[in-house]
């Protein structure tokens, strides 16, 4: 006679699937963040020094803004 344990809250395959999905979603989020920073960096690099000054930035601020690390 076979018995099935119904008191367990997590089964092996469910926990494994959850870990795999978390890893994949983290990887996708990293790629999206990288692409957003790349697009921002390219857009700001295309501006003239005068245009950057108008929005309160200098050329040296571009990388920090692209990575969301600029504190003002």
PDB file of N, CA and C in Angstrom:
ATOM      1  N   UNK A   1       0.840  -1.166   0.000  1.00  0.00           N
ATOM      2  CA  UNK A   1       0.000   0.000   0.000  1.00  0.00           C
ATOM      3  C   UNK A   1       0.892   1.239   0.000  1.00  0.00           C
ATOM      4  N   UNK A   2       0.568   2.193  -0.827  1.00  0.00           N
ATOM      5  CA  UNK A   2       1.350   3.416  -0.936  1.00  0.00           C
ATOM      6  C   UNK A   2       0.734   4.505  -0.074  1.00  0.00           C
ATOM      7  N   UNK A   3       1.593   5.328   0.469  1.00  0.00           N
ATOM      8  CA  UNK A   3       1.110   6.442   1.298  1.00  0.00           C
ATOM      9  C   UNK A   3       1.619   7.746   0.699  1.00  0.00           C
ATOM     10  N   UNK A   4       0.823   8.768   0.790  1.00  0.00           N
ATOM     11  CA  UNK A   4       1.193  10.078   0.268  1.00  0.00           C
ATOM     12  C   UNK A   4       1.146  11.063   1.420  1.00  0.00           C
ATOM     13  N   UNK A   5       2.257  11.722   1.680  1.00  0.00           N
ATOM     14  CA  UNK A   5       2.352  12.654   2.795  1.00  0.00           C
ATOM     15  C   UNK A   5       1.727  13.985   2.387  1.00  0.00           C
ATOM     16  N   UNK A   6       0.626  14.340   2.979  1.00  0.00           N
ATOM     17  CA  UNK A   6      -0.056  15.592   2.641  1.00  0.00           C
ATOM     18  C   UNK A   6       0.249  16.703   3.637  1.00  0.00           C
ATOM     19  N   UNK A   7       1.149  16.468   4.576  1.00  0.00           N
ATOM     20  CA  UNK A   7       1.463  17.491   5.571  1.00  0.00           C
ATOM     21  C   UNK A   7       2.637  18.359   5.150  1.00  0.00           C
ATOM     22  N   UNK A   8       3.336  17.982   4.105  1.00  0.00           N
ATOM     23  CA  UNK A   8       4.471  18.777   3.635  1.00  0.00           C
ATOM     24  C   UNK A   8       3.959  20.012   2.915  1.00  0.00           C
ATOM     25  N   UNK A   9       4.626  21.140   3.126  1.00  0.00           N
ATOM     26  CA  UNK A   9       4.202  22.367   2.455  1.00  0.00           C
ATOM     27  C   UNK A   9       4.982  22.597   1.172  1.00  0.00           C
ATOM     28  N   UNK A  10       6.190  22.071   1.080  1.00  0.00           N
ATOM     29  CA  UNK A  10       7.003  22.242  -0.119  1.00  0.00           C
ATOM     30  C   UNK A  10       7.524  20.879  -0.559  1.00  0.00           C
ATOM     31  N   UNK A  11       7.340  20.615  -1.808  1.00  0.00           N
ATOM     32  CA  UNK A  11       7.876  19.396  -2.372  1.00  0.00           C
ATOM     33  C   UNK A  11       9.112  19.740  -3.168  1.00  0.00           C
ATOM     34  N   UNK A  12      10.001  18.810  -3.352  1.00  0.00           N
ATOM     35  CA  UNK A  12      11.284  19.039  -3.997  1.00  0.00           C
ATOM     36  C   UNK A  12      11.187  19.721  -5.349  1.00  0.00           C
ATOM     37  N   UNK A  13      10.313  19.255  -6.204  1.00  0.00           N
ATOM     38  CA  UNK A  13      10.233  19.826  -7.541  1.00  0.00           C
ATOM     39  C   UNK A  13       9.710  21.265  -7.512  1.00  0.00           C
ATOM     40  N   UNK A  14       8.829  21.586  -6.575  1.00  0.00           N
ATOM     41  CA  UNK A  14       8.302  22.941  -6.469  1.00  0.00           C
ATOM     42  C   UNK A  14       9.388  23.899  -6.012  1.00  0.00           C
ATOM     43  N   UNK A  15      10.167  23.493  -5.029  1.00  0.00           N
ATOM     44  CA  UNK A  15      11.244  24.344  -4.532  1.00  0.00           C
ATOM     45  C   UNK A  15      12.309  24.539  -5.613  1.00  0.00           C
ATOM     46  N   UNK A  16      12.611  23.499  -6.342  1.00  0.00           N
ATOM     47  CA  UNK A  16      13.598  23.587  -7.415  1.00  0.00           C
ATOM     48  C   UNK A  16      13.104  24.521  -8.515  1.00  0.00           C
ATOM     49  N   UNK A  17      11.851  24.384  -8.901  1.00  0.00           N
ATOM     50  CA  UNK A  17      11.281  25.259  -9.934  1.00  0.00           C
ATOM     51  C   UNK A  17      11.297  26.707  -9.480  1.00  0.00           C
ATOM     52  N   UNK A  18      11.012  26.940  -8.231  1.00  0.00           N
ATOM     53  CA  UNK A  18      11.022  28.294  -7.684  1.00  0.00           C
ATOM     54  C   UNK A  18      12.428  28.891  -7.733  1.00  0.00           C
ATOM     55  N   UNK A  19      13.417  28.103  -7.366  1.00  0.00           N
ATOM     56  CA  UNK A  19      14.804  28.590  -7.407  1.00  0.00           C
ATOM     57  C   UNK A  19      15.239  28.883  -8.834  1.00  0.00           C
ATOM     58  N   UNK A  20      14.849  28.038  -9.769  1.00  0.00           N
ATOM     59  CA  UNK A  20      15.204  28.246 -11.174  1.00  0.00           C
ATOM     60  C   UNK A  20      14.550  29.517 -11.697  1.00  0.00           C
ATOM     61  N   UNK A  21      13.260  29.715 -11.405  1.00  0.00           N
ATOM     62  CA  UNK A  21      12.559  30.918 -11.856  1.00  0.00           C
ATOM     63  C   UNK A  21      13.153  32.175 -11.228  1.00  0.00           C
ATOM     64  N   UNK A  22      13.527  32.117  -9.963  1.00  0.00           N
ATOM     65  CA  UNK A  22      14.157  33.269  -9.309  1.00  0.00           C
ATOM     66  C   UNK A  22      15.490  33.607  -9.961  1.00  0.00           C
ATOM     67  N   UNK A  23      16.258  32.597 -10.308  1.00  0.00           N
ATOM     68  CA  UNK A  23      17.540  32.816 -10.971  1.00  0.00           C
ATOM     69  C   UNK A  23      17.344  33.432 -12.347  1.00  0.00           C
ATOM     70  N   UNK A  24      16.395  32.900 -13.097  1.00  0.00           N
ATOM     71  CA  UNK A  24      16.117  33.427 -14.432  1.00  0.00           C
ATOM     72  C   UNK A  24      15.592  34.857 -14.371  1.00  0.00           C
ATOM     73  N   UNK A  25      14.701  35.139 -13.444  1.00  0.00           N
ATOM     74  CA  UNK A  25      14.164  36.493 -13.357  1.00  0.00           C
ATOM     75  C   UNK A  25      15.244  37.470 -12.911  1.00  0.00           C
ATOM     76  N   UNK A  26      16.157  37.046 -12.067  1.00  0.00           N
ATOM     77  CA  UNK A  26      17.279  37.898 -11.680  1.00  0.00           C
ATOM     78  C   UNK A  26      18.197  38.193 -12.854  1.00  0.00           C
ATOM     79  N   UNK A  27      18.424  37.185 -13.688  1.00  0.00           N
ATOM     80  CA  UNK A  27      19.266  37.377 -14.867  1.00  0.00           C
ATOM     81  C   UNK A  27      18.603  38.325 -15.854  1.00  0.00           C
ATOM     82  N   UNK A  28      17.304  38.161 -16.062  1.00  0.00           N
ATOM     83  CA  UNK A  28      16.572  39.054 -16.970  1.00  0.00           C
ATOM     84  C   UNK A  28      16.595  40.478 -16.433  1.00  0.00           C
ATOM     85  N   UNK A  29      16.387  40.650 -15.141  1.00  0.00           N
ATOM     86  CA  UNK A  29      16.416  41.987 -14.541  1.00  0.00           C
ATOM     87  C   UNK A  29      17.785  42.635 -14.713  1.00  0.00           C
ATOM     88  N   UNK A  30      18.846  41.862 -14.607  1.00  0.00           N
ATOM     89  CA  UNK A  30      20.195  42.400 -14.797  1.00  0.00           C
ATOM     90  C   UNK A  30      20.409  42.866 -16.233  1.00  0.00           C
ATOM     91  N   UNK A  31      19.929  42.096 -17.185  1.00  0.00           N
ATOM     92  CA  UNK A  31      20.068  42.474 -18.596  1.00  0.00           C
ATOM     93  C   UNK A  31      19.253  43.727 -18.899  1.00  0.00           C
ATOM     94  N   UNK A  32      18.054  43.819 -18.349  1.00  0.00           N
ATOM     95  CA  UNK A  32      17.213  44.999 -18.565  1.00  0.00           C
ATOM     96  C   UNK A  32      17.868  46.230 -17.962  1.00  0.00           C
ATOM     97  N   UNK A  33      18.409  46.120 -16.759  1.00  0.00           N
ATOM     98  CA  UNK A  33      19.084  47.254 -16.118  1.00  0.00           C
ATOM     99  C   UNK A  33      20.310  47.679 -16.922  1.00  0.00           C
ATOM    100  N   UNK A  34      21.076  46.708 -17.422  1.00  0.00           N
ATOM    101  CA  UNK A  34      22.243  47.030 -18.235  1.00  0.00           C
ATOM    102  C   UNK A  34      21.824  47.776 -19.499  1.00  0.00           C
ATOM    103  N   UNK A  35      20.766  47.315 -20.152  1.00  0.00           N
ATOM    104  CA  UNK A  35      20.318  47.951 -21.388  1.00  0.00           C
ATOM    105  C   UNK A  35      19.792  49.364 -21.119  1.00  0.00           C
ATOM    106  N   UNK A  36      19.068  49.561 -20.034  1.00  0.00           N
ATOM    107  CA  UNK A  36      18.589  50.894 -19.677  1.00  0.00           C
ATOM    108  C   UNK A  36      19.760  51.851 -19.463  1.00  0.00           C
ATOM    109  N   UNK A  37      20.793  51.385 -18.769  1.00  0.00           N
ATOM    110  CA  UNK A  37      21.973  52.218 -18.537  1.00  0.00           C
ATOM    111  C   UNK A  37      22.677  52.532 -19.850  1.00  0.00           C
ATOM    112  N   UNK A  38      22.745  51.562 -20.750  1.00  0.00           N
ATOM    113  CA  UNK A  38      23.386  51.771 -22.047  1.00  0.00           C
ATOM    114  C   UNK A  38      22.643  52.817 -22.871  1.00  0.00           C
ATOM    115  N   UNK A  39      21.322  52.722 -22.900  1.00  0.00           N
ATOM    116  CA  UNK A  39      20.510  53.675 -23.663  1.00  0.00           C
ATOM    117  C   UNK A  39      20.652  55.079 -23.077  1.00  0.00           C
ATOM    118  N   UNK A  40      20.609  55.187 -21.761  1.00  0.00           N
ATOM    119  CA  UNK A  40      20.759  56.489 -21.104  1.00  0.00           C
ATOM    120  C   UNK A  40      22.128  57.081 -21.388  1.00  0.00           C
ATOM    121  N   UNK A  41      23.159  56.257 -21.267  1.00  0.00           N
ATOM    122  CA  UNK A  41      24.531  56.724 -21.522  1.00  0.00           C
ATOM    123  C   UNK A  41      24.675  57.222 -22.960  1.00  0.00           C
ATOM    124  N   UNK A  42      24.121  56.498 -23.918  1.00  0.00           N
ATOM    125  CA  UNK A  42      24.207  56.909 -25.315  1.00  0.00           C
ATOM    126  C   UNK A  42      23.447  58.201 -25.576  1.00  0.00           C
ATOM    127  N   UNK A  43      22.276  58.344 -24.965  1.00  0.00           N
ATOM    128  CA  UNK A  43      21.481  59.566 -25.163  1.00  0.00           C
ATOM    129  C   UNK A  43      22.189  60.779 -24.578  1.00  0.00           C
ATOM    130  N   UNK A  44      22.721  60.642 -23.380  1.00  0.00           N
ATOM    131  CA  UNK A  44      23.418  61.775 -22.753  1.00  0.00           C
ATOM    132  C   UNK A  44      24.726  62.088 -23.462  1.00  0.00           C
ATOM    133  N   UNK A  45      25.394  61.091 -23.965  1.00  0.00           N
ATOM    134  CA  UNK A  45      26.654  61.321 -24.676  1.00  0.00           C
ATOM    135  C   UNK A  45      26.424  62.079 -25.977  1.00  0.00           C
ATOM    136  N   UNK A  46      25.229  61.985 -26.518  1.00  0.00           N
ATOM    137  CA  UNK A  46      24.916  62.683 -27.756  1.00  0.00           C
ATOM    138  C   UNK A  46      24.617  64.162 -27.563  1.00  0.00           C
ATOM    139  N   UNK A  47      24.469  64.594 -26.326  1.00  0.00           N
ATOM    140  CA  UNK A  47      24.199  66.004 -26.045  1.00  0.00           C
ATOM    141  C   UNK A  47      25.488  66.818 -26.052  1.00  0.00           C
ATOM    142  N   UNK A  48      25.351  68.084 -26.348  1.00  0.00           N
ATOM    143  CA  UNK A  48      26.513  68.982 -26.300  1.00  0.00           C
ATOM    144  C   UNK A  48      26.776  69.360 -24.845  1.00  0.00           C
ATOM    145  N   UNK A  49      27.945  69.945 -24.595  1.00  0.00           N
ATOM    146  CA  UNK A  49      28.271  70.393 -23.242  1.00  0.00           C
ATOM    147  C   UNK A  49      27.268  71.440 -22.758  1.00  0.00           C
ATOM    148  N   UNK A  50      26.817  72.305 -23.659  1.00  0.00           N
ATOM    149  CA  UNK A  50      25.842  73.336 -23.307  1.00  0.00           C
ATOM    150  C   UNK A  50      24.508  72.698 -22.900  1.00  0.00           C
ATOM    151  N   UNK A  51      24.071  71.706 -23.640  1.00  0.00           N
ATOM    152  CA  UNK A  51      22.811  71.026 -23.321  1.00  0.00           C
ATOM    153  C   UNK A  51      22.913  70.284 -21.987  1.00  0.00           C
ATOM    154  N   UNK A  52      24.053  69.668 -21.748  1.00  0.00           N
ATOM    155  CA  UNK A  52      24.257  69.003 -20.461  1.00  0.00           C
ATOM    156  C   UNK A  52      24.228  70.012 -19.324  1.00  0.00           C
ATOM    157  N   UNK A  53      24.850  71.174 -19.527  1.00  0.00           N
ATOM    158  CA  UNK A  53      24.865  72.221 -18.511  1.00  0.00           C
ATOM    159  C   UNK A  53      23.444  72.724 -18.234  1.00  0.00           C
ATOM    160  N   UNK A  54      22.622  72.788 -19.273  1.00  0.00           N
ATOM    161  CA  UNK A  54      21.238  73.233 -19.102  1.00  0.00           C
ATOM    162  C   UNK A  54      20.442  72.308 -18.179  1.00  0.00           C
ATOM    163  N   UNK A  55      20.767  71.032 -18.179  1.00  0.00           N
ATOM    164  CA  UNK A  55      20.056  70.099 -17.292  1.00  0.00           C
ATOM    165  C   UNK A  55      20.840  69.811 -16.014  1.00  0.00           C
ATOM    166  N   UNK A  56      21.894  70.581 -15.801  1.00  0.00           N
ATOM    167  CA  UNK A  56      22.644  70.482 -14.551  1.00  0.00           C
ATOM    168  C   UNK A  56      23.632  69.347 -14.479  1.00  0.00           C
ATOM    169  N   UNK A  57      24.122  68.908 -15.619  1.00  0.00           N
ATOM    170  CA  UNK A  57      25.083  67.808 -15.642  1.00  0.00           C
ATOM    171  C   UNK A  57      26.360  68.228 -16.354  1.00  0.00           C
ATOM    172  N   UNK A  58      27.400  67.480 -16.110  1.00  0.00           N
ATOM    173  CA  UNK A  58      28.634  67.637 -16.876  1.00  0.00           C
ATOM    174  C   UNK A  58      28.944  66.283 -17.508  1.00  0.00           C
ATOM    175  N   UNK A  59      29.903  66.270 -18.400  1.00  0.00           N
ATOM    176  CA  UNK A  59      30.254  65.019 -19.065  1.00  0.00           C
ATOM    177  C   UNK A  59      30.697  63.937 -18.074  1.00  0.00           C
ATOM    178  N   UNK A  60      31.318  64.356 -16.998  1.00  0.00           N
ATOM    179  CA  UNK A  60      31.790  63.381 -16.008  1.00  0.00           C
ATOM    180  C   UNK A  60      30.640  62.758 -15.211  1.00  0.00           C
ATOM    181  N   UNK A  61      29.447  63.355 -15.273  1.00  0.00           N
ATOM    182  CA  UNK A  61      28.285  62.817 -14.555  1.00  0.00           C
ATOM    183  C   UNK A  61      27.547  61.730 -15.322  1.00  0.00           C
ATOM    184  N   UNK A  62      27.839  61.561 -16.592  1.00  0.00           N
ATOM    185  CA  UNK A  62      27.045  60.670 -17.444  1.00  0.00           C
ATOM    186  C   UNK A  62      27.025  59.235 -16.926  1.00  0.00           C
ATOM    187  N   UNK A  63      28.164  58.682 -16.571  1.00  0.00           N
ATOM    188  CA  UNK A  63      28.193  57.290 -16.092  1.00  0.00           C
ATOM    189  C   UNK A  63      27.409  57.134 -14.796  1.00  0.00           C
ATOM    190  N   UNK A  64      27.540  58.100 -13.890  1.00  0.00           N
ATOM    191  CA  UNK A  64      26.818  58.020 -12.617  1.00  0.00           C
ATOM    192  C   UNK A  64      25.311  58.109 -12.843  1.00  0.00           C
ATOM    193  N   UNK A  65      24.878  58.968 -13.751  1.00  0.00           N
ATOM    194  CA  UNK A  65      23.451  59.083 -14.050  1.00  0.00           C
ATOM    195  C   UNK A  65      22.956  57.792 -14.685  1.00  0.00           C
ATOM    196  N   UNK A  66      23.708  57.235 -15.597  1.00  0.00           N
ATOM    197  CA  UNK A  66      23.298  56.003 -16.277  1.00  0.00           C
ATOM    198  C   UNK A  66      23.155  54.841 -15.307  1.00  0.00           C
ATOM    199  N   UNK A  67      23.965  54.816 -14.285  1.00  0.00           N
ATOM    200  CA  UNK A  67      23.901  53.735 -13.293  1.00  0.00           C
ATOM    201  C   UNK A  67      23.053  54.111 -12.075  1.00  0.00           C
ATOM    202  N   UNK A  68      22.375  55.254 -12.141  1.00  0.00           N
ATOM    203  CA  UNK A  68      21.531  55.742 -11.041  1.00  0.00           C
ATOM    204  C   UNK A  68      22.309  55.951  -9.755  1.00  0.00           C
ATOM    205  N   UNK A  69      23.552  56.365  -9.850  1.00  0.00           N
ATOM    206  CA  UNK A  69      24.382  56.581  -8.669  1.00  0.00           C
ATOM    207  C   UNK A  69      24.679  58.053  -8.416  1.00  0.00           C
ATOM    208  N   UNK A  70      24.064  58.939  -9.166  1.00  0.00           N
ATOM    209  CA  UNK A  70      24.345  60.353  -9.005  1.00  0.00           C
ATOM    210  C   UNK A  70      23.532  60.902  -7.847  1.00  0.00           C
ATOM    211  N   UNK A  71      24.213  61.464  -6.889  1.00  0.00           N
ATOM    212  CA  UNK A  71      23.540  62.068  -5.722  1.00  0.00           C
ATOM    213  C   UNK A  71      23.785  63.564  -5.787  1.00  0.00           C
ATOM    214  N   UNK A  72      22.721  64.305  -5.835  1.00  0.00           N
ATOM    215  CA  UNK A  72      22.820  65.771  -5.858  1.00  0.00           C
ATOM    216  C   UNK A  72      21.976  66.350  -4.783  1.00  0.00           C
TER     217      UNK A  72
END
